[in-house]
Amino acid sequence: MEKQTNKNDPFLVFVRRHESIVRFLFIGSINTLIDLSLYAIFANLLGIKPVIASIMSTGITLCFSFFMNHYFVFRSQKKKRHTALLFVSVTLFNVWIVQSLVITAVLHSFDSVAFFKDHLWTFNMFAKVCGVCVSLVLNYIGYRTIFKSKGINN
């Protein structure tokens, strides 16, 4: 017997109603995986200072993120030229300024925690994840504004 798909399933209704958020979270997860992997290599394996490592990892991830947000997440009809500068501005502000401030605040606020003193790698990653969480919300708001076409409900 074949399983029937229920069009009124609350999960499916939510996904259809919030398509761009679902797509953003999917692509954002991939971006974050790339970003965190590069950050771990830079900060923990190569010994680069955490804020510099974060700037490097997010800078590299930026190109993939732009194309995926433009074409897949928001399915923008706007020209790339029009959206690229705004996207780069929002992203760099959120990941280079906001995220760097959060990383710095976390590193200074929790530097006396014994566990983190003994596990520098974990401490660096914890600070980065805190920064990612803050910038995630700000990025979505900014990207939605950039890519949304008038009259289209993303």
N, C-alpha and C. Protein backbone atom coordinates (compact mmCIF):
# COMPACT_ATOMS: atom_id res chain seq x y z
N MET A 1 0.83 -1.18 0.00
CA MET A 1 0.00 0.00 0.00
C MET A 1 0.88 1.25 0.00
N GLU A 2 0.59 2.17 -0.86
CA GLU A 2 1.39 3.38 -1.02
C GLU A 2 0.98 4.43 0.00
N LYS A 3 1.98 5.05 0.61
CA LYS A 3 1.73 6.09 1.60
C LYS A 3 1.29 7.37 0.89
N GLN A 4 0.20 7.97 1.35
CA GLN A 4 -0.30 9.20 0.75
C GLN A 4 0.31 10.41 1.44
N THR A 5 0.60 11.43 0.64
CA THR A 5 1.11 12.67 1.19
C THR A 5 -0.07 13.55 1.59
N ASN A 6 -0.06 14.02 2.79
CA ASN A 6 -1.14 14.86 3.29
C ASN A 6 -0.79 16.32 3.06
N LYS A 7 -1.56 16.99 2.20
CA LYS A 7 -1.29 18.39 1.88
C LYS A 7 -1.51 19.31 3.06
N ASN A 8 -2.19 18.83 4.07
CA ASN A 8 -2.46 19.65 5.25
C ASN A 8 -1.54 19.31 6.42
N ASP A 9 -0.53 18.51 6.15
CA ASP A 9 0.45 18.17 7.17
C ASP A 9 1.07 19.46 7.68
N PRO A 10 1.05 19.70 9.00
CA PRO A 10 1.56 20.98 9.54
C PRO A 10 3.00 21.27 9.14
N PHE A 11 3.83 20.23 9.07
CA PHE A 11 5.22 20.45 8.69
C PHE A 11 5.31 20.94 7.24
N LEU A 12 4.58 20.27 6.33
CA LEU A 12 4.62 20.67 4.92
C LEU A 12 4.02 22.06 4.73
N VAL A 13 2.97 22.38 5.47
CA VAL A 13 2.37 23.72 5.38
C VAL A 13 3.39 24.76 5.83
N PHE A 14 4.11 24.48 6.92
CA PHE A 14 5.13 25.40 7.41
C PHE A 14 6.23 25.59 6.38
N VAL A 15 6.71 24.48 5.80
CA VAL A 15 7.80 24.55 4.81
C VAL A 15 7.37 25.37 3.61
N ARG A 16 6.15 25.14 3.10
CA ARG A 16 5.69 25.92 1.94
C ARG A 16 5.53 27.39 2.28
N ARG A 17 5.06 27.69 3.46
CA ARG A 17 4.82 29.07 3.85
C ARG A 17 6.14 29.82 4.08
N HIS A 18 7.15 29.11 4.51
CA HIS A 18 8.43 29.73 4.86
C HIS A 18 9.57 29.15 4.02
N GLU A 19 9.34 29.02 2.73
CA GLU A 19 10.32 28.40 1.85
C GLU A 19 11.69 29.05 1.92
N SER A 20 11.75 30.37 1.88
CA SER A 20 13.06 31.01 1.85
C SER A 20 13.81 30.80 3.16
N ILE A 21 13.11 30.72 4.27
CA ILE A 21 13.78 30.46 5.55
C ILE A 21 14.35 29.05 5.56
N VAL A 22 13.57 28.09 5.07
CA VAL A 22 14.03 26.70 5.03
C VAL A 22 15.25 26.58 4.11
N ARG A 23 15.17 27.18 2.93
CA ARG A 23 16.31 27.15 2.00
C ARG A 23 17.51 27.87 2.61
N PHE A 24 17.28 29.01 3.29
CA PHE A 24 18.36 29.76 3.92
C PHE A 24 19.05 28.90 4.98
N LEU A 25 18.27 28.20 5.79
CA LEU A 25 18.86 27.35 6.83
C LEU A 25 19.66 26.20 6.22
N PHE A 26 19.17 25.65 5.12
CA PHE A 26 19.89 24.57 4.45
C PHE A 26 21.23 25.07 3.90
N ILE A 27 21.18 26.13 3.12
CA ILE A 27 22.41 26.69 2.53
C ILE A 27 23.29 27.27 3.64
N GLY A 28 22.66 27.90 4.61
CA GLY A 28 23.42 28.44 5.74
C GLY A 28 24.17 27.35 6.49
N SER A 29 23.58 26.17 6.59
CA SER A 29 24.25 25.04 7.25
C SER A 29 25.50 24.63 6.47
N ILE A 30 25.37 24.58 5.15
CA ILE A 30 26.53 24.25 4.32
C ILE A 30 27.60 25.33 4.44
N ASN A 31 27.17 26.60 4.35
CA ASN A 31 28.12 27.72 4.50
C ASN A 31 28.82 27.65 5.86
N THR A 32 28.05 27.37 6.89
CA THR A 32 28.61 27.33 8.24
C THR A 32 29.59 26.17 8.39
N LEU A 33 29.27 25.04 7.78
CA LEU A 33 30.19 23.89 7.82
C LEU A 33 31.51 24.24 7.15
N ILE A 34 31.44 24.89 5.99
CA ILE A 34 32.65 25.32 5.29
C ILE A 34 33.42 26.32 6.15
N ASP A 35 32.69 27.32 6.67
CA ASP A 35 33.30 28.37 7.49
C ASP A 35 33.97 27.79 8.74
N LEU A 36 33.26 26.93 9.46
CA LEU A 36 33.81 26.35 10.68
C LEU A 36 35.00 25.44 10.39
N SER A 37 34.94 24.71 9.29
CA SER A 37 36.06 23.84 8.93
C SER A 37 37.32 24.66 8.64
N LEU A 38 37.14 25.71 7.84
CA LEU A 38 38.28 26.58 7.54
C LEU A 38 38.79 27.28 8.80
N TYR A 39 37.86 27.74 9.64
CA TYR A 39 38.24 28.39 10.89
C TYR A 39 39.05 27.43 11.77
N ALA A 40 38.58 26.20 11.88
CA ALA A 40 39.30 25.21 12.70
C ALA A 40 40.72 25.00 12.18
N ILE A 41 40.85 24.92 10.88
CA ILE A 41 42.18 24.75 10.28
C ILE A 41 43.06 25.97 10.59
N PHE A 42 42.51 27.16 10.34
CA PHE A 42 43.31 28.38 10.53
C PHE A 42 43.65 28.63 12.00
N ALA A 43 42.63 28.58 12.88
CA ALA A 43 42.83 28.93 14.29
C ALA A 43 43.51 27.82 15.07
N ASN A 44 43.12 26.58 14.83
CA ASN A 44 43.58 25.50 15.69
C ASN A 44 44.75 24.71 15.13
N LEU A 45 44.79 24.54 13.83
CA LEU A 45 45.91 23.78 13.26
C LEU A 45 47.07 24.68 12.88
N LEU A 46 46.76 25.86 12.34
CA LEU A 46 47.82 26.77 11.92
C LEU A 46 48.19 27.80 12.99
N GLY A 47 47.38 27.91 14.05
CA GLY A 47 47.68 28.81 15.15
C GLY A 47 47.44 30.29 14.87
N ILE A 48 46.62 30.60 13.88
CA ILE A 48 46.30 31.99 13.56
C ILE A 48 45.33 32.52 14.63
N LYS A 49 45.48 33.77 15.03
CA LYS A 49 44.60 34.36 16.04
C LYS A 49 43.14 34.19 15.63
N PRO A 50 42.24 33.89 16.59
CA PRO A 50 40.84 33.57 16.28
C PRO A 50 40.11 34.60 15.42
N VAL A 51 40.25 35.89 15.71
CA VAL A 51 39.53 36.89 14.93
C VAL A 51 40.06 36.92 13.49
N ILE A 52 41.36 36.84 13.31
CA ILE A 52 41.95 36.81 11.97
C ILE A 52 41.52 35.54 11.24
N ALA A 53 41.53 34.41 11.94
CA ALA A 53 41.09 33.14 11.34
C ALA A 53 39.64 33.22 10.89
N SER A 54 38.81 33.89 11.68
CA SER A 54 37.40 34.05 11.33
C SER A 54 37.24 34.92 10.09
N ILE A 55 37.98 36.00 10.03
CA ILE A 55 37.92 36.88 8.86
C ILE A 55 38.34 36.12 7.60
N MET A 56 39.38 35.32 7.72
CA MET A 56 39.84 34.55 6.57
C MET A 56 38.81 33.51 6.13
N SER A 57 38.25 32.78 7.09
CA SER A 57 37.31 31.71 6.74
C SER A 57 36.02 32.26 6.15
N THR A 58 35.53 33.36 6.69
CA THR A 58 34.29 33.94 6.15
C THR A 58 34.53 34.60 4.80
N GLY A 59 35.70 35.16 4.61
CA GLY A 59 36.02 35.75 3.31
C GLY A 59 36.02 34.72 2.20
N ILE A 60 36.55 33.55 2.49
CA ILE A 60 36.58 32.47 1.50
C ILE A 60 35.17 31.94 1.22
N THR A 61 34.37 31.82 2.26
CA THR A 61 33.01 31.28 2.14
C THR A 61 32.06 32.24 1.44
N LEU A 62 32.39 33.50 1.40
CA LEU A 62 31.53 34.55 0.87
C LEU A 62 31.05 34.29 -0.56
N CYS A 63 31.93 33.87 -1.45
CA CYS A 63 31.54 33.68 -2.86
C CYS A 63 30.49 32.59 -3.02
N PHE A 64 30.71 31.45 -2.41
CA PHE A 64 29.72 30.36 -2.47
C PHE A 64 28.39 30.84 -1.91
N SER A 65 28.44 31.53 -0.81
CA SER A 65 27.23 32.02 -0.16
C SER A 65 26.44 32.96 -1.05
N PHE A 66 27.12 33.87 -1.74
CA PHE A 66 26.41 34.82 -2.61
C PHE A 66 25.62 34.10 -3.68
N PHE A 67 26.28 33.22 -4.41
CA PHE A 67 25.60 32.54 -5.52
C PHE A 67 24.45 31.65 -5.02
N MET A 68 24.65 30.97 -3.93
CA MET A 68 23.59 30.10 -3.41
C MET A 68 22.41 30.93 -2.90
N ASN A 69 22.67 32.04 -2.24
CA ASN A 69 21.57 32.88 -1.75
C ASN A 69 20.85 33.56 -2.92
N HIS A 70 21.61 34.01 -3.91
CA HIS A 70 21.01 34.69 -5.06
C HIS A 70 20.11 33.75 -5.85
N TYR A 71 20.63 32.59 -6.21
CA TYR A 71 19.91 31.69 -7.12
C TYR A 71 18.99 30.69 -6.43
N PHE A 72 19.41 30.16 -5.29
CA PHE A 72 18.66 29.08 -4.68
C PHE A 72 17.76 29.54 -3.53
N VAL A 73 18.31 30.28 -2.59
CA VAL A 73 17.54 30.65 -1.40
C VAL A 73 16.42 31.61 -1.75
N PHE A 74 16.77 32.74 -2.34
CA PHE A 74 15.78 33.78 -2.60
C PHE A 74 15.30 33.80 -4.04
N ARG A 75 15.94 32.99 -4.89
CA ARG A 75 15.55 32.90 -6.31
C ARG A 75 15.35 34.28 -6.92
N SER A 76 16.33 35.09 -6.71
CA SER A 76 16.27 36.50 -7.11
C SER A 76 16.28 36.66 -8.62
N GLN A 77 15.48 37.58 -9.08
CA GLN A 77 15.45 37.93 -10.49
C GLN A 77 16.31 39.18 -10.76
N LYS A 78 16.82 39.76 -9.70
CA LYS A 78 17.66 40.95 -9.85
C LYS A 78 19.00 40.55 -10.44
N LYS A 79 19.62 41.50 -11.11
CA LYS A 79 20.93 41.26 -11.71
C LYS A 79 21.98 41.10 -10.61
N LYS A 80 22.94 40.23 -10.88
CA LYS A 80 24.00 39.98 -9.91
C LYS A 80 24.76 41.26 -9.57
N ARG A 81 24.99 42.10 -10.58
CA ARG A 81 25.70 43.36 -10.33
C ARG A 81 24.99 44.19 -9.27
N HIS A 82 23.67 44.21 -9.38
CA HIS A 82 22.86 45.03 -8.47
C HIS A 82 22.94 44.50 -7.03
N THR A 83 22.94 43.19 -6.89
CA THR A 83 22.88 42.61 -5.55
C THR A 83 24.25 42.32 -4.93
N ALA A 84 25.27 42.17 -5.75
CA ALA A 84 26.58 41.75 -5.25
C ALA A 84 27.17 42.73 -4.23
N LEU A 85 27.17 44.01 -4.54
CA LEU A 85 27.76 44.98 -3.63
C LEU A 85 27.00 45.04 -2.30
N LEU A 86 25.67 45.01 -2.39
CA LEU A 86 24.87 45.03 -1.16
C LEU A 86 25.11 43.76 -0.34
N PHE A 87 25.15 42.61 -1.02
CA PHE A 87 25.38 41.34 -0.35
C PHE A 87 26.73 41.34 0.36
N VAL A 88 27.75 41.76 -0.35
CA VAL A 88 29.10 41.80 0.23
C VAL A 88 29.12 42.75 1.43
N SER A 89 28.47 43.90 1.32
CA SER A 89 28.45 44.87 2.42
C SER A 89 27.77 44.29 3.66
N VAL A 90 26.60 43.69 3.47
CA VAL A 90 25.87 43.10 4.60
C VAL A 90 26.69 41.96 5.21
N THR A 91 27.19 41.09 4.35
CA THR A 91 27.94 39.93 4.84
C THR A 91 29.20 40.34 5.58
N LEU A 92 29.97 41.22 4.97
CA LEU A 92 31.22 41.62 5.62
C LEU A 92 30.98 42.34 6.93
N PHE A 93 29.95 43.18 6.98
CA PHE A 93 29.64 43.83 8.25
C PHE A 93 29.27 42.80 9.31
N ASN A 94 28.40 41.85 8.94
CA ASN A 94 27.93 40.87 9.92
C ASN A 94 28.99 39.85 10.31
N VAL A 95 29.80 39.41 9.36
CA VAL A 95 30.77 38.37 9.71
C VAL A 95 32.14 38.91 10.09
N TRP A 96 32.49 40.09 9.61
CA TRP A 96 33.78 40.64 9.99
C TRP A 96 33.68 41.57 11.19
N ILE A 97 32.62 42.34 11.30
CA ILE A 97 32.50 43.27 12.43
C ILE A 97 31.72 42.62 13.57
N VAL A 98 30.45 42.27 13.31
CA VAL A 98 29.61 41.72 14.39
C VAL A 98 30.20 40.41 14.92
N GLN A 99 30.52 39.48 14.01
CA GLN A 99 31.05 38.20 14.46
C GLN A 99 32.38 38.36 15.19
N SER A 100 33.23 39.24 14.70
CA SER A 100 34.52 39.48 15.38
C SER A 100 34.31 40.05 16.78
N LEU A 101 33.35 40.95 16.91
CA LEU A 101 33.04 41.51 18.25
C LEU A 101 32.52 40.43 19.18
N VAL A 102 31.65 39.56 18.68
CA VAL A 102 31.12 38.48 19.52
C VAL A 102 32.23 37.52 19.91
N ILE A 103 33.07 37.14 18.96
CA ILE A 103 34.19 36.24 19.28
C ILE A 103 35.09 36.86 20.35
N THR A 104 35.43 38.12 20.17
CA THR A 104 36.28 38.82 21.15
C THR A 104 35.60 38.86 22.51
N ALA A 105 34.32 39.19 22.54
CA ALA A 105 33.58 39.26 23.81
C ALA A 105 33.53 37.90 24.50
N VAL A 106 33.29 36.85 23.73
CA VAL A 106 33.23 35.50 24.32
C VAL A 106 34.60 35.10 24.83
N LEU A 107 35.65 35.33 24.06
CA LEU A 107 37.00 34.95 24.49
C LEU A 107 37.41 35.67 25.76
N HIS A 108 37.02 36.94 25.88
CA HIS A 108 37.36 37.69 27.09
C HIS A 108 36.44 37.37 28.26
N SER A 109 35.19 37.09 27.98
CA SER A 109 34.22 36.81 29.05
C SER A 109 34.42 35.44 29.69
N PHE A 110 34.85 34.48 28.92
CA PHE A 110 34.96 33.11 29.42
C PHE A 110 36.39 32.63 29.57
N ASP A 111 37.36 33.54 29.49
CA ASP A 111 38.77 33.11 29.55
C ASP A 111 39.18 32.55 30.90
N SER A 112 38.40 32.80 31.94
CA SER A 112 38.76 32.27 33.26
C SER A 112 38.09 30.93 33.55
N VAL A 113 37.25 30.43 32.65
CA VAL A 113 36.60 29.13 32.83
C VAL A 113 37.65 28.03 32.68
N ALA A 114 37.78 27.22 33.71
CA ALA A 114 38.83 26.20 33.74
C ALA A 114 38.76 25.25 32.54
N PHE A 115 37.56 24.82 32.17
CA PHE A 115 37.43 23.91 31.05
C PHE A 115 38.02 24.51 29.78
N PHE A 116 37.72 25.78 29.53
CA PHE A 116 38.22 26.43 28.32
C PHE A 116 39.73 26.63 28.37
N LYS A 117 40.28 26.85 29.57
CA LYS A 117 41.73 26.99 29.70
C LYS A 117 42.44 25.71 29.27
N ASP A 118 41.80 24.58 29.58
CA ASP A 118 42.39 23.28 29.27
C ASP A 118 42.07 22.80 27.86
N HIS A 119 41.10 23.44 27.20
CA HIS A 119 40.65 23.00 25.87
C HIS A 119 40.54 24.20 24.94
N LEU A 120 41.67 24.72 24.54
CA LEU A 120 41.70 25.92 23.71
C LEU A 120 40.95 25.72 22.40
N TRP A 121 41.10 24.55 21.78
CA TRP A 121 40.41 24.27 20.52
C TRP A 121 38.90 24.41 20.71
N THR A 122 38.37 23.83 21.76
CA THR A 122 36.94 23.91 22.07
C THR A 122 36.54 25.35 22.34
N PHE A 123 37.38 26.07 23.04
CA PHE A 123 37.10 27.47 23.37
C PHE A 123 37.02 28.32 22.11
N ASN A 124 37.97 28.13 21.20
CA ASN A 124 37.95 28.87 19.93
C ASN A 124 36.69 28.56 19.13
N MET A 125 36.32 27.28 19.06
CA MET A 125 35.13 26.89 18.30
C MET A 125 33.85 27.41 18.97
N PHE A 126 33.80 27.39 20.29
CA PHE A 126 32.65 27.92 21.02
C PHE A 126 32.45 29.40 20.71
N ALA A 127 33.54 30.15 20.73
CA ALA A 127 33.46 31.59 20.43
C ALA A 127 32.98 31.81 19.00
N LYS A 128 33.50 31.03 18.06
CA LYS A 128 33.09 31.16 16.66
C LYS A 128 31.60 30.83 16.49
N VAL A 129 31.13 29.76 17.11
CA VAL A 129 29.72 29.37 17.00
C VAL A 129 28.82 30.46 17.58
N CYS A 130 29.22 31.07 18.67
CA CYS A 130 28.45 32.19 19.23
C CYS A 130 28.35 33.33 18.22
N GLY A 131 29.45 33.65 17.57
CA GLY A 131 29.45 34.68 16.55
C GLY A 131 28.58 34.32 15.36
N VAL A 132 28.63 33.07 14.94
CA VAL A 132 27.82 32.59 13.81
C VAL A 132 26.33 32.72 14.14
N CYS A 133 25.94 32.38 15.35
CA CYS A 133 24.52 32.45 15.74
C CYS A 133 23.99 33.88 15.64
N VAL A 134 24.78 34.83 16.08
CA VAL A 134 24.34 36.23 16.03
C VAL A 134 24.28 36.70 14.57
N SER A 135 25.31 36.41 13.79
CA SER A 135 25.34 36.90 12.41
C SER A 135 24.32 36.19 11.52
N LEU A 136 23.93 34.98 11.88
CA LEU A 136 22.93 34.24 11.11
C LEU A 136 21.62 35.02 10.99
N VAL A 137 21.15 35.51 12.10
CA VAL A 137 19.88 36.27 12.12
C VAL A 137 20.03 37.56 11.31
N LEU A 138 21.11 38.27 11.54
CA LEU A 138 21.33 39.54 10.83
C LEU A 138 21.51 39.32 9.32
N ASN A 139 22.18 38.24 8.95
CA ASN A 139 22.36 37.94 7.53
C ASN A 139 21.03 37.65 6.85
N TYR A 140 20.19 36.85 7.47
CA TYR A 140 18.90 36.53 6.85
C TYR A 140 18.09 37.80 6.59
N ILE A 141 18.02 38.65 7.57
CA ILE A 141 17.27 39.90 7.42
C ILE A 141 17.85 40.74 6.28
N GLY A 142 19.16 40.87 6.26
CA GLY A 142 19.81 41.65 5.21
C GLY A 142 19.65 41.03 3.84
N TYR A 143 19.84 39.71 3.72
CA TYR A 143 19.75 39.04 2.43
C TYR A 143 18.33 39.09 1.88
N ARG A 144 17.37 38.91 2.74
CA ARG A 144 15.97 38.95 2.29
C ARG A 144 15.67 40.32 1.69
N THR A 145 16.16 41.35 2.33
CA THR A 145 15.95 42.71 1.82
C THR A 145 16.65 42.91 0.47
N ILE A 146 17.83 42.39 0.33
CA ILE A 146 18.62 42.55 -0.90
C ILE A 146 17.99 41.80 -2.08
N PHE A 147 17.63 40.55 -1.87
CA PHE A 147 17.21 39.70 -2.98
C PHE A 147 15.72 39.72 -3.29
N LYS A 148 14.92 40.20 -2.37
CA LYS A 148 13.47 40.17 -2.59
C LYS A 148 13.07 41.13 -3.69
N SER A 149 12.30 40.64 -4.63
CA SER A 149 11.78 41.48 -5.70
C SER A 149 10.43 42.04 -5.25
N LYS A 150 10.11 43.22 -5.68
CA LYS A 150 8.82 43.83 -5.32
C LYS A 150 7.69 42.95 -5.83
N GLY A 151 6.71 42.73 -4.95
CA GLY A 151 5.53 41.98 -5.34
C GLY A 151 5.70 40.47 -5.26
N ILE A 152 6.89 40.00 -4.90
CA ILE A 152 7.11 38.56 -4.78
C ILE A 152 7.31 38.23 -3.31
N ASN A 153 6.55 37.27 -2.84
CA ASN A 153 6.65 36.86 -1.45
C ASN A 153 7.65 35.72 -1.34
N ASN A 154 8.84 36.02 -0.85
CA ASN A 154 9.87 35.00 -0.68
C ASN A 154 9.65 34.35 0.65
